[in-house]
Amino acid sequence: MASIQRIARRTDPDADLLACSTLTRVDHVDAHQLRTSHASSPAEWAREILEGPPAVTRLRLRLGWTVLGIRLRPAGPDVIAGWSVTHRDAEYVRLQAMSPMGLSGQLITRVAGGEVTFATFVRLGNPVARRVWAKVLPTHLAVVCSLVDGAASRSG
């Protein structure tokens, strides 16, 4: 049976993780990490983190992204939780979505050395986007930690 540390920890992004983002400027980045021996690809982990929670949680995620103006895509092979897959390999998957409000986001899930790292990269294109992000940031951090913890529990 795979062993999983049940609590995700927030971590500083390393240079390799930062290199996964293609945003022209990164105004915010947070990363949450868990140790695991569960063998899944980065895309499988991203799906588990974002699409594995109960329906009510997934609905709340979509509502939150919609409030931010994030344009979600319909389900498909190159879409995870409404976010476009813009890179996929054995090390990491990068999801991307944009908002006409001036917010661009990338969600990167990396699997390396027995650890899964789920990171959010945000580019804030104007003062409105900066104000909105400042208001939602505490909730974002709590939700992401909960999502990663939940994925660890379900995958154990």
Foldseek 3Di string as FASTA:
>chain_A
DKDKDLFKDKDDDDPVRVVVDPDPDFPDKIKIKIFMPQDDAQVVLLQCLQVVDDPVLLVVVVVVCVVLQWQFDDDDPQHRSRFGFPDGDRFKIWTWTDGPQQKIKIWMWGDDDRMIMTMITIDRGDPSSVVVCVVCVVVVVVSSRVSSSSSRVVSD
